């Protein structure tokens, strides 16, 4: 269910909202004032690639109220196609800006994900991320946190317990940092229980906020090189996806974009 105030730019069959990060925060705050929940999906090159062949990925996109471009290649492709997106809107940035915006309204968040605690005396990643967000965002309230064990989604009882903990907390906004597509499956399940809440699948953002993984410097974020930094920090997990699949797809997307621009011109009235 898209937010109709913003038109969508089509990139290889996926519609992405022409919206800034500040506008995303404003939309969510206004929707919460009106008692309306929603879902933000932040496709990057990998999700755009998956959408070409993955029915589940397309269902997640169809269910999103806001779809924002989490990747400079998407912004570049939109400009080459003649329908420019205003900026990159990353989940790793939204976790901060949405928390600050909700703090102005005295609203609550729930943080789901992050790294498990190493011992009984150390808070887990979700708790540490939540503490950092509350310290940085005056007025923000914490509905709860949970850091489920690896493979929790394969055990129906554990999965149900995790979802019940979130639903029982009645948060205004849920940050789900479990990686794609696991986080989107959790969000799909929770939406029915929390129709007035907003959800953001934010990948590694919980780990960034908790300080367990260092985010790329701002200059690398601005120039589209954040993927290189991530690859350097997690080569074993990301090398195959980035180099064998995502990089070739990104090059094809950029190469095809000018043809889309020509097609738009063809259909414009004289």
Protein backbone atom coordinates (compact mmCIF):
# COMPACT_ATOMS: atom_id res chain seq x y z
CA UNK A 1 0.00 0.00 0.00
CA UNK A 2 2.13 2.94 -1.19
CA UNK A 3 1.94 6.45 0.22
CA UNK A 4 0.22 8.16 -2.68
CA UNK A 5 1.71 11.63 -2.10
CA UNK A 6 4.98 10.49 -3.68
CA UNK A 7 5.37 9.20 -7.21
CA UNK A 8 7.49 6.15 -7.85
CA UNK A 9 10.49 5.88 -10.14
CA UNK A 10 10.63 2.56 -11.98
CA UNK A 11 13.99 0.80 -11.89
CA UNK A 12 14.02 -2.58 -13.65
CA UNK A 13 10.38 -3.10 -12.74
CA UNK A 14 10.62 -2.00 -9.10
CA UNK A 15 8.93 1.23 -8.04
CA UNK A 16 10.96 3.43 -5.68
CA UNK A 17 9.50 6.50 -3.99
CA UNK A 18 10.92 9.87 -4.99
CA UNK A 19 11.37 10.95 -1.38
CA UNK A 20 14.06 12.32 0.92
CA UNK A 21 15.04 10.96 4.32
CA UNK A 22 13.48 13.98 6.05
CA UNK A 23 10.23 13.35 4.18
CA UNK A 24 10.20 9.70 5.27
CA UNK A 25 10.40 10.84 8.91
CA UNK A 26 7.62 13.38 8.36
CA UNK A 27 5.37 10.76 6.71
CA UNK A 28 5.86 8.28 9.55
CA UNK A 29 5.22 10.87 12.26
CA UNK A 30 2.04 12.08 10.56
CA UNK A 31 0.79 8.54 9.96
CA UNK A 32 1.30 7.68 13.63
CA UNK A 33 -0.64 10.79 14.62
CA UNK A 34 -3.49 9.50 12.47
CA UNK A 35 -3.26 6.00 13.92
CA UNK A 36 -1.96 4.42 10.70
CA UNK A 37 0.86 1.93 10.62
CA UNK A 38 3.09 0.99 7.72
CA UNK A 39 6.19 -0.68 6.39
CA UNK A 40 9.36 0.85 4.95
CA UNK A 41 11.44 -1.26 2.60
CA UNK A 42 14.93 -0.13 1.63
CA UNK A 43 15.97 -2.01 -1.52
CA UNK A 44 19.60 -2.01 -2.53
CA UNK A 45 21.12 -3.58 -5.63
CA UNK A 46 20.82 -7.06 -4.13
CA UNK A 47 17.08 -6.75 -3.43
CA UNK A 48 16.44 -5.17 -6.83
CA UNK A 49 18.24 -8.14 -8.41
CA UNK A 50 16.26 -10.66 -6.34
CA UNK A 51 12.98 -9.01 -7.35
CA UNK A 52 13.59 -10.14 -10.94
CA UNK A 53 13.19 -13.82 -10.05
CA UNK A 54 11.90 -14.10 -6.47
CA UNK A 55 8.14 -14.10 -5.87
CA UNK A 56 8.60 -13.60 -2.12
CA UNK A 57 10.73 -10.50 -2.70
CA UNK A 58 8.06 -9.04 -4.98
CA UNK A 59 5.41 -9.70 -2.31
CA UNK A 60 7.47 -7.78 0.24
CA UNK A 61 7.79 -4.86 -2.17
CA UNK A 62 4.07 -4.92 -2.92
CA UNK A 63 3.29 -4.80 0.81
CA UNK A 64 5.52 -1.78 1.48
CA UNK A 65 4.03 1.65 2.15
CA UNK A 66 7.34 3.38 1.45
CA UNK A 67 10.11 2.03 -0.79
CA UNK A 68 13.36 4.02 -0.64
CA UNK A 69 16.66 3.65 -2.45
CA UNK A 70 19.35 2.24 -0.15
CA UNK A 71 22.24 2.41 -2.60
CA UNK A 72 23.95 5.03 -4.73
CA UNK A 73 23.81 2.83 -7.89
CA UNK A 74 20.00 3.09 -7.71
CA UNK A 75 20.23 6.88 -7.49
CA UNK A 76 22.68 6.97 -10.40
CA UNK A 77 20.50 4.71 -12.53
CA UNK A 78 17.46 6.90 -11.84
CA UNK A 79 19.35 9.97 -13.02
CA UNK A 80 20.55 8.23 -16.17
CA UNK A 81 16.98 7.12 -16.87
CA UNK A 82 15.67 10.69 -16.70
CA UNK A 83 13.60 10.19 -13.51
CA UNK A 84 16.05 11.16 -10.77
CA UNK A 85 15.61 10.12 -7.16
CA UNK A 86 16.49 12.98 -4.79
CA UNK A 87 18.93 11.06 -2.61
CA UNK A 88 19.95 7.77 -1.10
CA UNK A 89 17.82 6.85 1.93
CA UNK A 90 19.63 4.12 3.84
CA UNK A 91 18.21 2.00 6.63
CA UNK A 92 21.45 2.65 8.50
CA UNK A 93 20.61 6.37 8.52
CA UNK A 94 16.85 6.00 9.05
CA UNK A 95 17.36 4.18 12.35
CA UNK A 96 18.78 7.46 13.69
CA UNK A 97 16.53 9.98 11.96
CA UNK A 98 13.31 8.09 12.69
CA UNK A 99 14.31 7.70 16.34
CA UNK A 100 14.97 11.43 16.58
CA UNK A 101 11.64 12.22 14.92
CA UNK A 102 9.68 9.88 17.18
CA UNK A 103 11.46 11.34 20.18
CA UNK A 104 9.91 14.72 19.37
CA UNK A 105 6.50 13.08 19.76
CA UNK A 106 7.35 11.00 22.83
CA UNK A 107 6.83 7.76 20.93
CA UNK A 108 8.35 4.32 21.44
CA UNK A 109 10.61 1.94 19.54
CA UNK A 110 11.34 -1.77 19.72
CA UNK A 111 14.76 -3.04 18.59
CA UNK A 112 14.93 -6.59 17.26
CA UNK A 113 18.22 -8.11 16.15
CA UNK A 114 21.89 -7.43 16.79
CA UNK A 115 24.67 -9.60 18.14
CA UNK A 116 24.04 -11.95 21.09
CA UNK A 117 25.64 -11.15 24.44
CA UNK A 118 29.03 -12.74 25.00
CA UNK A 119 28.32 -13.36 28.70
CA UNK A 120 25.63 -12.80 31.33
CA UNK A 121 27.08 -9.45 32.40
CA UNK A 122 27.09 -7.89 28.92
CA UNK A 123 23.93 -6.53 27.25
CA UNK A 124 23.19 -7.95 23.82
CA UNK A 125 23.40 -5.89 20.64
CA UNK A 126 19.72 -4.93 20.58
CA UNK A 127 19.88 -3.58 24.14
CA UNK A 128 23.08 -1.65 23.49
CA UNK A 129 21.70 -0.17 20.26
CA UNK A 130 18.50 0.86 22.04
CA UNK A 131 20.47 2.52 24.86
CA UNK A 132 22.47 4.52 22.31
CA UNK A 133 19.34 5.66 20.46
CA UNK A 134 17.63 6.72 23.70
CA UNK A 135 20.73 8.66 24.76
CA UNK A 136 20.90 10.45 21.41
CA UNK A 137 17.17 11.15 20.95
CA UNK A 138 15.47 13.11 23.75
CA UNK A 139 11.86 12.09 24.34
CA UNK A 140 12.23 8.68 22.71
CA UNK A 141 10.75 5.80 24.71
CA UNK A 142 11.77 2.15 24.66
CA UNK A 143 9.02 -0.44 24.32
CA UNK A 144 11.50 -3.31 24.40
CA UNK A 145 14.36 -5.19 22.77
CA UNK A 146 15.13 -8.77 21.84
CA UNK A 147 18.11 -10.47 20.29
CA UNK A 148 16.92 -13.89 19.11
CA UNK A 149 19.40 -16.75 18.77
CA UNK A 150 20.71 -17.81 15.40
CA UNK A 151 18.21 -20.11 13.70
CA UNK A 152 15.30 -18.98 15.88
CA UNK A 153 13.07 -18.82 12.80
CA UNK A 154 13.51 -22.56 12.24
CA UNK A 155 11.88 -23.39 15.60
CA UNK A 156 8.14 -22.54 15.50
CA UNK A 157 7.88 -22.09 19.28
CA UNK A 158 10.89 -19.78 19.53
CA UNK A 159 9.70 -17.84 16.49
CA UNK A 160 6.26 -17.40 18.03
CA UNK A 161 7.78 -16.29 21.34
CA UNK A 162 9.91 -13.64 19.65
CA UNK A 163 6.95 -12.27 17.72
CA UNK A 164 4.73 -12.34 20.82
CA UNK A 165 7.29 -10.31 22.77
CA UNK A 166 7.23 -7.58 20.13
CA UNK A 167 3.44 -7.60 19.79
CA UNK A 168 2.88 -7.48 23.56
CA UNK A 169 5.13 -4.40 23.87
CA UNK A 170 2.84 -2.35 21.56
CA UNK A 171 5.63 -0.17 20.10
CA UNK A 172 5.08 2.69 17.68
CA UNK A 173 8.05 1.67 15.51
CA UNK A 174 9.94 -1.62 15.22
CA UNK A 175 13.52 -1.78 13.92
CA UNK A 176 14.17 -5.31 12.63
CA UNK A 177 17.85 -5.94 11.99
CA UNK A 178 18.00 -9.58 10.95
CA UNK A 179 19.14 -9.29 7.34
CA UNK A 180 17.09 -9.84 4.21
CA UNK A 181 14.81 -11.77 3.74
CA UNK A 182 14.49 -12.98 7.37
CA UNK A 183 13.65 -9.50 8.69
CA UNK A 184 10.93 -8.99 6.08
CA UNK A 185 9.32 -12.32 6.95
CA UNK A 186 9.19 -11.29 10.60
CA UNK A 187 7.67 -7.93 9.66
CA UNK A 188 5.01 -9.62 7.52
CA UNK A 189 4.04 -11.79 10.47
CA UNK A 190 3.95 -8.88 12.93
CA UNK A 191 1.94 -6.45 10.82
CA UNK A 192 -1.34 -8.23 11.53
CA UNK A 193 -0.73 -7.98 15.29
CA UNK A 194 0.43 -4.35 15.20
CA UNK A 195 -1.59 -2.59 12.47
CA UNK A 196 -0.89 0.87 13.94
CA UNK A 197 2.88 0.41 14.19
CA UNK A 198 5.58 1.16 11.62
CA UNK A 199 8.30 -1.31 10.67
CA UNK A 200 11.76 -0.86 9.18
CA UNK A 201 13.89 -3.81 8.10
CA UNK A 202 17.31 -2.27 8.69
CA UNK A 203 19.84 -5.07 8.18
CA UNK A 204 23.16 -4.32 9.86
CA UNK A 205 22.00 -0.96 11.25
CA UNK A 206 21.41 -2.42 14.73
CA UNK A 207 25.00 -3.69 14.74
CA UNK A 208 26.24 -0.28 13.57
CA UNK A 209 24.40 1.56 16.34
CA UNK A 210 25.53 -0.96 18.96
CA UNK A 211 29.13 -0.49 17.84
CA UNK A 212 29.67 -4.11 16.89
CA UNK A 213 30.36 -3.30 13.23
CA UNK A 214 31.92 -0.06 12.04
CA UNK A 215 29.99 1.73 9.31
CA UNK A 216 31.88 3.13 6.33
CA UNK A 217 33.15 6.73 6.50
CA UNK A 218 30.75 9.36 5.19
CA UNK A 219 32.82 9.97 2.05
CA UNK A 220 32.47 6.29 1.12
CA UNK A 221 28.70 6.45 1.77
CA UNK A 222 28.34 9.53 -0.45
CA UNK A 223 30.44 8.14 -3.30
CA UNK A 224 28.77 4.74 -3.44
CA UNK A 225 31.72 2.83 -1.96
CA UNK A 226 30.09 1.66 1.24
CA UNK A 227 29.83 -1.82 -0.29
CA UNK A 228 33.66 -1.94 -0.50
CA UNK A 229 33.94 -1.14 3.19
CA UNK A 230 31.37 -3.83 4.07
CA UNK A 231 33.21 -6.31 1.88
CA UNK A 232 36.44 -5.52 3.69
CA UNK A 233 34.86 -6.07 7.11
CA UNK A 234 32.91 -9.25 6.21
CA UNK A 235 34.65 -10.78 3.15
CA UNK A 236 33.69 -14.40 3.79
CA UNK A 237 29.98 -13.62 4.06
CA UNK A 238 29.68 -10.96 1.36
CA UNK A 239 32.29 -11.68 -1.33
CA UNK A 240 30.21 -14.10 -3.40
CA UNK A 241 27.05 -11.96 -3.26
CA UNK A 242 28.76 -8.66 -3.99
CA UNK A 243 31.27 -9.73 -6.64
CA UNK A 244 29.55 -12.62 -8.44
CA UNK A 245 25.97 -11.36 -8.39
CA UNK A 246 25.41 -7.75 -7.33
CA UNK A 247 28.27 -6.02 -9.17
CA UNK A 248 27.39 -7.47 -12.62
CA UNK A 249 23.71 -6.64 -12.05
CA UNK A 250 24.57 -3.06 -11.04
CA UNK A 251 26.61 -2.60 -14.23
CA UNK A 252 23.72 -3.90 -16.35
CA UNK A 253 21.25 -1.63 -14.55
CA UNK A 254 23.40 1.44 -15.20
CA UNK A 255 24.03 0.45 -18.82
CA UNK A 256 20.29 0.00 -19.49
CA UNK A 257 19.20 3.25 -17.80
CA UNK A 258 19.81 5.59 -20.79
CA UNK A 259 17.53 3.39 -22.91
CA UNK A 260 14.77 3.97 -20.36
CA UNK A 261 15.36 7.71 -20.72
CA UNK A 262 14.97 7.43 -24.49
CA UNK A 263 11.76 5.43 -24.04
CA UNK A 264 10.33 8.15 -21.75
CA UNK A 265 11.11 10.80 -24.37
CA UNK A 266 9.39 8.75 -27.03
CA UNK A 267 6.12 8.83 -25.09
CA UNK A 268 6.27 12.52 -24.17
CA UNK A 269 3.92 14.79 -26.20
CA UNK A 270 5.50 17.20 -28.63
